[in-house]
Amino acid sequence: MITKRNFPVFAVHFFLILMGIMIILPFLWMVRTSLTSSGKVFSDSLKIIPEEFNWQNYAEAFSIVPFSIFLLNSIKVSLFTLAGQVVTCTLAGYAFARLRFRGNTVLFWMVLATLMIPLQITIVPQYMVMKKLHLINTHWALILPALTSPFGVFLMRQYFISLPSELEDAGLIDGTTIPQFFFHVAFPIAKPIIATLAVLGFIASWGNLLSPLVFINDLMKATVPLGLYQFGSTYATNWPALMAATTVSLIPSLLLYIFAQKYIISAYSMAGVQK
């Protein structure tokens, strides 16, 4: 029974449920389309569950284009990007948070300022650099620019700055060097936020379309977002096969998130904005 006392709680829960439905509905419609025959995709029926399940669309998605190659290419690029961001962002975040050196604050704000620069502006200079390095039409053209992330540096810096200074002082008194303290104390403690950084970096790399569109010319080196373009043509688009391929492409990111979910929740619950 709704009363004046519990009405705010009810209103919040109702709003969250409504937002959850709005978020999940497009994904349900995507799965529904992937199991529907081509002639019934644009029917007047609004049923979420199709009358019959056409699993052939998934087989067709892998037969029309080399979609398995696209998946392997995306996994390769995303894993290299993930590993690079974990290393560079963790080290830079720790340096900005715990080390005192001239220009620390100015340099950190310069890093944050790059968040305001859209990728579309930097893509041309990146192309010129990759062309000079003879990396056009290679996966390294996608990996190297993404080996670090300004947001990742900010995320790690905010976490490390919240560590108690007494913990570091005790280690230094016992003769622990700064690298030893980082690798044996700070890095293991930061597992939740590192897992969060890894998931965010993987998802960003997995869904990146602009960079493969600019740097990759060979279809066999295409990643998933670029490969999904191959399902369309000048006159028609095979929507069931496209939705089937899109559904499959979501599985790696979903599995990674499920695996790291407890770390992400822990990281956000402990996170706070520090000066």
Protein backbone atom coordinates (compact mmCIF):
# COMPACT_ATOMS: atom_id res chain seq x y z
CA MET A 1 0.00 0.00 0.00
CA ILE A 2 1.34 3.41 -1.01
CA THR A 3 1.42 6.01 1.75
CA LYS A 4 2.92 9.46 2.06
CA ARG A 5 5.87 7.96 3.92
CA ASN A 6 6.83 5.35 1.32
CA PHE A 7 5.74 7.31 -1.78
CA PRO A 8 9.26 8.74 -2.48
CA VAL A 9 10.73 5.23 -2.38
CA PHE A 10 7.96 3.94 -4.63
CA ALA A 11 8.48 6.82 -7.07
CA VAL A 12 12.22 6.15 -7.26
CA HIS A 13 11.71 2.42 -7.86
CA PHE A 14 9.05 3.10 -10.49
CA PHE A 15 11.36 5.53 -12.30
CA LEU A 16 14.26 3.05 -12.22
CA ILE A 17 12.08 0.22 -13.53
CA LEU A 18 10.77 2.47 -16.31
CA MET A 19 14.29 3.51 -17.29
CA GLY A 20 15.41 -0.12 -17.21
CA ILE A 21 12.61 -1.10 -19.59
CA MET A 22 13.51 1.75 -21.94
CA ILE A 23 17.16 0.66 -21.96
CA ILE A 24 16.56 -3.06 -22.45
CA LEU A 25 13.74 -2.77 -25.01
CA PRO A 26 16.01 -1.99 -28.00
CA PHE A 27 18.17 -5.02 -27.16
CA LEU A 28 15.11 -7.25 -26.94
CA TRP A 29 13.94 -5.91 -30.29
CA MET A 30 17.38 -6.62 -31.76
CA VAL A 31 17.26 -10.25 -30.61
CA ARG A 32 13.67 -10.51 -31.84
CA THR A 33 14.68 -9.24 -35.30
CA SER A 34 17.61 -11.66 -35.42
CA LEU A 35 15.15 -14.55 -35.05
CA THR A 36 12.57 -13.24 -37.53
CA SER A 37 12.33 -14.04 -41.23
CA SER A 38 13.06 -11.21 -43.66
CA GLY A 39 9.43 -10.82 -44.73
CA LYS A 40 8.20 -10.19 -41.18
CA VAL A 41 10.80 -7.71 -39.94
CA PHE A 42 8.66 -4.66 -40.73
CA SER A 43 5.29 -6.22 -40.02
CA ASP A 44 2.66 -4.37 -38.02
CA SER A 45 2.98 -6.87 -35.17
CA LEU A 46 4.69 -5.51 -32.06
CA LYS A 47 5.31 -8.90 -30.49
CA ILE A 48 8.64 -9.16 -28.70
CA ILE A 49 8.63 -12.95 -29.11
CA PRO A 50 8.38 -13.97 -32.79
CA GLU A 51 5.87 -16.59 -33.86
CA GLU A 52 8.68 -18.88 -35.04
CA PHE A 53 12.40 -18.79 -34.35
CA ASN A 54 14.51 -18.56 -37.48
CA TRP A 55 17.95 -19.63 -36.22
CA GLN A 56 19.16 -19.79 -39.80
CA ASN A 57 19.83 -16.03 -39.60
CA TYR A 58 22.83 -16.68 -37.36
CA ALA A 59 24.32 -19.19 -39.77
CA GLU A 60 23.63 -16.76 -42.61
CA ALA A 61 25.42 -13.97 -40.76
CA PHE A 62 28.63 -16.02 -40.80
CA SER A 63 28.19 -17.14 -44.41
CA ILE A 64 27.48 -13.77 -46.04
CA VAL A 65 30.71 -12.23 -44.74
CA PRO A 66 33.76 -13.64 -42.87
CA PHE A 67 32.27 -12.54 -39.55
CA SER A 68 34.40 -14.95 -37.52
CA ILE A 69 37.49 -13.16 -38.88
CA PHE A 70 35.99 -9.83 -37.81
CA LEU A 71 35.45 -11.19 -34.30
CA LEU A 72 39.03 -12.42 -34.03
CA ASN A 73 40.37 -9.09 -35.30
CA SER A 74 38.30 -7.15 -32.77
CA ILE A 75 39.37 -9.46 -29.92
CA LYS A 76 43.02 -8.98 -30.88
CA VAL A 77 42.80 -5.18 -31.10
CA SER A 78 40.67 -4.84 -27.96
CA LEU A 79 42.91 -7.08 -25.83
CA PHE A 80 46.05 -5.20 -26.86
CA THR A 81 44.28 -1.90 -26.16
CA LEU A 82 43.04 -3.18 -22.80
CA ALA A 83 46.52 -4.30 -21.74
CA GLY A 84 48.12 -1.04 -22.88
CA GLN A 85 45.62 1.14 -21.04
CA VAL A 86 45.96 -0.86 -17.83
CA VAL A 87 49.73 -0.39 -17.86
CA THR A 88 49.97 3.25 -18.97
CA CYS A 89 46.95 4.61 -17.10
CA THR A 90 47.84 2.82 -13.86
CA LEU A 91 51.42 4.08 -13.89
CA ALA A 92 50.45 7.63 -14.89
CA GLY A 93 47.58 7.74 -12.41
CA TYR A 94 49.86 6.64 -9.57
CA ALA A 95 52.50 9.19 -10.55
CA PHE A 96 49.98 12.06 -10.61
CA ALA A 97 48.45 10.96 -7.31
CA ARG A 98 51.40 9.99 -5.13
CA LEU A 99 54.58 11.54 -6.58
CA ARG A 100 55.50 15.14 -6.06
CA PHE A 101 57.31 16.78 -8.96
CA ARG A 102 57.38 20.19 -10.61
CA GLY A 103 54.40 20.77 -12.88
CA ASN A 104 52.40 17.81 -11.55
CA THR A 105 49.08 19.66 -11.40
CA VAL A 106 49.58 21.56 -14.67
CA LEU A 107 50.50 18.39 -16.53
CA PHE A 108 47.51 16.55 -15.11
CA TRP A 109 45.11 19.29 -16.20
CA MET A 110 46.70 19.23 -19.66
CA VAL A 111 45.94 15.51 -19.84
CA LEU A 112 42.34 16.16 -18.79
CA ALA A 113 42.04 18.93 -21.38
CA THR A 114 42.52 16.37 -24.15
CA LEU A 115 39.15 14.88 -23.17
CA MET A 116 37.54 17.92 -24.79
CA ILE A 117 39.17 17.19 -28.17
CA PRO A 118 36.91 15.00 -30.36
CA LEU A 119 38.43 12.00 -32.13
CA GLN A 120 37.29 13.46 -35.46
CA ILE A 121 39.79 16.32 -35.04
CA THR A 122 42.78 14.09 -34.24
CA ILE A 123 42.07 11.41 -36.84
CA VAL A 124 43.84 13.29 -39.67
CA PRO A 125 47.10 13.86 -37.71
CA GLN A 126 46.93 10.22 -36.61
CA TYR A 127 46.57 9.11 -40.22
CA MET A 128 49.60 11.17 -41.26
CA VAL A 129 51.70 9.69 -38.44
CA MET A 130 50.61 6.13 -39.23
CA LYS A 131 51.35 6.68 -42.90
CA LYS A 132 54.88 7.85 -42.04
CA LEU A 133 55.31 4.71 -39.92
CA HIS A 134 53.93 2.52 -42.74
CA LEU A 135 51.21 1.18 -40.44
CA ILE A 136 48.18 1.97 -42.61
CA ASN A 137 46.01 -1.12 -43.14
CA THR A 138 47.46 -2.82 -40.07
CA HIS A 139 45.98 -3.42 -36.66
CA TRP A 140 48.78 -1.41 -35.07
CA ALA A 141 47.19 1.73 -36.52
CA LEU A 142 44.19 0.96 -34.30
CA ILE A 143 46.16 -0.17 -31.24
CA LEU A 144 48.92 2.41 -30.83
CA PRO A 145 46.74 5.56 -30.54
CA ALA A 146 44.54 3.77 -27.97
CA LEU A 147 47.29 2.45 -25.70
CA THR A 148 46.50 5.18 -23.20
CA SER A 149 43.34 7.01 -22.19
CA PRO A 150 43.01 10.45 -20.54
CA PHE A 151 39.87 9.30 -18.76
CA GLY A 152 41.71 6.17 -17.60
CA VAL A 153 44.52 8.32 -16.18
CA PHE A 154 41.92 10.44 -14.36
CA LEU A 155 40.15 7.35 -13.04
CA MET A 156 43.33 5.78 -11.68
CA ARG A 157 44.59 9.07 -10.25
CA GLN A 158 41.36 9.60 -8.33
CA TYR A 159 41.63 6.10 -6.87
CA PHE A 160 45.30 6.26 -5.87
CA ILE A 161 44.94 9.70 -4.32
CA SER A 162 42.40 8.25 -1.90
CA LEU A 163 44.87 5.71 -0.49
CA PRO A 164 45.91 6.52 3.10
CA SER A 165 49.26 8.29 3.15
CA GLU A 166 50.13 6.38 6.36
CA LEU A 167 50.25 3.17 4.32
CA GLU A 168 52.87 4.59 1.99
CA ASP A 169 54.83 6.20 4.83
CA ALA A 170 55.00 2.91 6.71
CA GLY A 171 56.36 1.18 3.63
CA LEU A 172 58.99 3.82 3.02
CA ILE A 173 60.11 3.65 6.66
CA ASP A 174 60.57 -0.10 6.30
CA GLY A 175 62.84 0.51 3.32
CA THR A 176 60.33 -0.12 0.56
CA THR A 177 61.08 1.79 -2.62
CA ILE A 178 58.38 3.58 -4.60
CA PRO A 179 58.31 0.93 -7.38
CA GLN A 180 58.13 -1.85 -4.77
CA PHE A 181 55.27 -0.10 -2.97
CA PHE A 182 53.42 0.35 -6.26
CA PHE A 183 53.75 -3.25 -7.47
CA HIS A 184 53.33 -5.01 -4.12
CA VAL A 185 50.82 -2.76 -2.34
CA ALA A 186 49.09 -0.15 -4.49
CA PHE A 187 48.56 -2.27 -7.61
CA PRO A 188 46.98 -5.27 -5.81
CA ILE A 189 44.71 -2.96 -3.79
CA ALA A 190 43.55 -1.27 -7.00
CA LYS A 191 42.14 -4.45 -8.58
CA PRO A 192 38.52 -3.17 -8.58
CA ILE A 193 39.32 0.08 -10.37
CA ILE A 194 41.72 -1.70 -12.74
CA ALA A 195 38.93 -4.12 -13.66
CA THR A 196 36.67 -1.13 -14.32
CA LEU A 197 39.33 0.47 -16.52
CA ALA A 198 39.81 -2.80 -18.41
CA VAL A 199 36.09 -3.17 -19.12
CA LEU A 200 35.71 0.45 -20.24
CA GLY A 201 38.79 0.22 -22.46
CA PHE A 202 37.67 -3.05 -24.02
CA ILE A 203 34.16 -1.78 -24.76
CA ALA A 204 35.46 1.49 -26.25
CA SER A 205 37.88 -0.36 -28.51
CA TRP A 206 35.30 -3.01 -29.42
CA GLY A 207 32.77 -0.43 -30.57
CA ASN A 208 35.19 1.90 -32.35
CA LEU A 209 34.09 2.43 -35.96
CA LEU A 210 35.83 5.61 -37.10
CA SER A 211 39.43 4.41 -36.74
CA PRO A 212 38.95 1.12 -38.65
CA LEU A 213 36.99 3.02 -41.30
CA VAL A 214 39.97 5.34 -41.85
CA PHE A 215 42.95 3.04 -41.33
CA ILE A 216 41.78 -0.36 -42.61
CA ASN A 217 41.38 -1.09 -46.33
CA ASP A 218 41.55 -4.89 -46.35
CA LEU A 219 38.26 -6.62 -45.54
CA MET A 220 40.09 -9.51 -43.86
CA LYS A 221 41.60 -7.06 -41.36
CA ALA A 222 38.29 -5.36 -40.55
CA THR A 223 36.93 -5.29 -37.02
CA VAL A 224 33.34 -6.02 -35.98
CA PRO A 225 31.91 -2.46 -36.35
CA LEU A 226 33.40 -2.15 -39.83
CA GLY A 227 32.34 -5.70 -40.68
CA LEU A 228 28.71 -4.96 -39.79
CA TYR A 229 28.70 -2.45 -42.64
CA GLN A 230 29.07 -5.34 -45.08
CA PHE A 231 25.51 -6.53 -44.42
CA GLY A 232 24.10 -3.48 -46.17
CA SER A 233 23.99 -2.80 -49.89
CA THR A 234 22.90 0.00 -52.18
CA TYR A 235 19.36 -1.29 -52.53
CA ALA A 236 18.62 -3.40 -49.47
CA THR A 237 19.87 -4.50 -46.06
CA ASN A 238 19.62 -8.00 -44.67
CA TRP A 239 18.22 -6.91 -41.30
CA PRO A 240 17.80 -10.37 -39.70
CA ALA A 241 21.40 -11.34 -40.51
CA LEU A 242 22.65 -7.91 -39.43
CA MET A 243 20.84 -8.16 -36.09
CA ALA A 244 22.09 -11.72 -35.63
CA ALA A 245 25.68 -10.55 -36.18
CA THR A 246 25.13 -7.59 -33.84
CA THR A 247 23.75 -9.90 -31.15
CA VAL A 248 26.81 -12.16 -31.42
CA SER A 249 29.13 -9.13 -31.32
CA LEU A 250 27.71 -8.10 -27.93
CA ILE A 251 28.61 -11.41 -26.26
CA PRO A 252 32.34 -10.70 -25.54
CA SER A 253 31.63 -7.34 -23.91
CA LEU A 254 28.74 -8.81 -21.94
CA LEU A 255 30.81 -11.74 -20.68
CA LEU A 256 33.67 -9.43 -19.68
CA TYR A 257 31.29 -7.18 -17.77
CA ILE A 258 29.65 -10.13 -15.99
CA PHE A 259 33.07 -11.46 -15.00
CA ALA A 260 34.23 -8.07 -13.65
CA GLN A 261 30.87 -6.93 -12.28
CA LYS A 262 31.72 -7.33 -8.60
CA TYR A 263 34.97 -5.41 -9.06
CA ILE A 264 33.18 -2.59 -10.92
CA ILE A 265 30.53 -2.26 -8.22
CA SER A 266 33.26 -2.25 -5.56
CA ALA A 267 35.20 0.40 -7.44
CA TYR A 268 32.26 2.75 -7.84
CA SER A 269 31.21 2.28 -4.23
CA MET A 270 34.68 3.27 -3.02
CA ALA A 271 35.31 5.98 -5.59
CA GLY A 272 35.11 9.64 -4.67
CA VAL A 273 36.23 12.87 -6.26
CA GLN A 274 39.40 14.07 -4.61
CA LYS A 275 41.14 17.39 -4.99
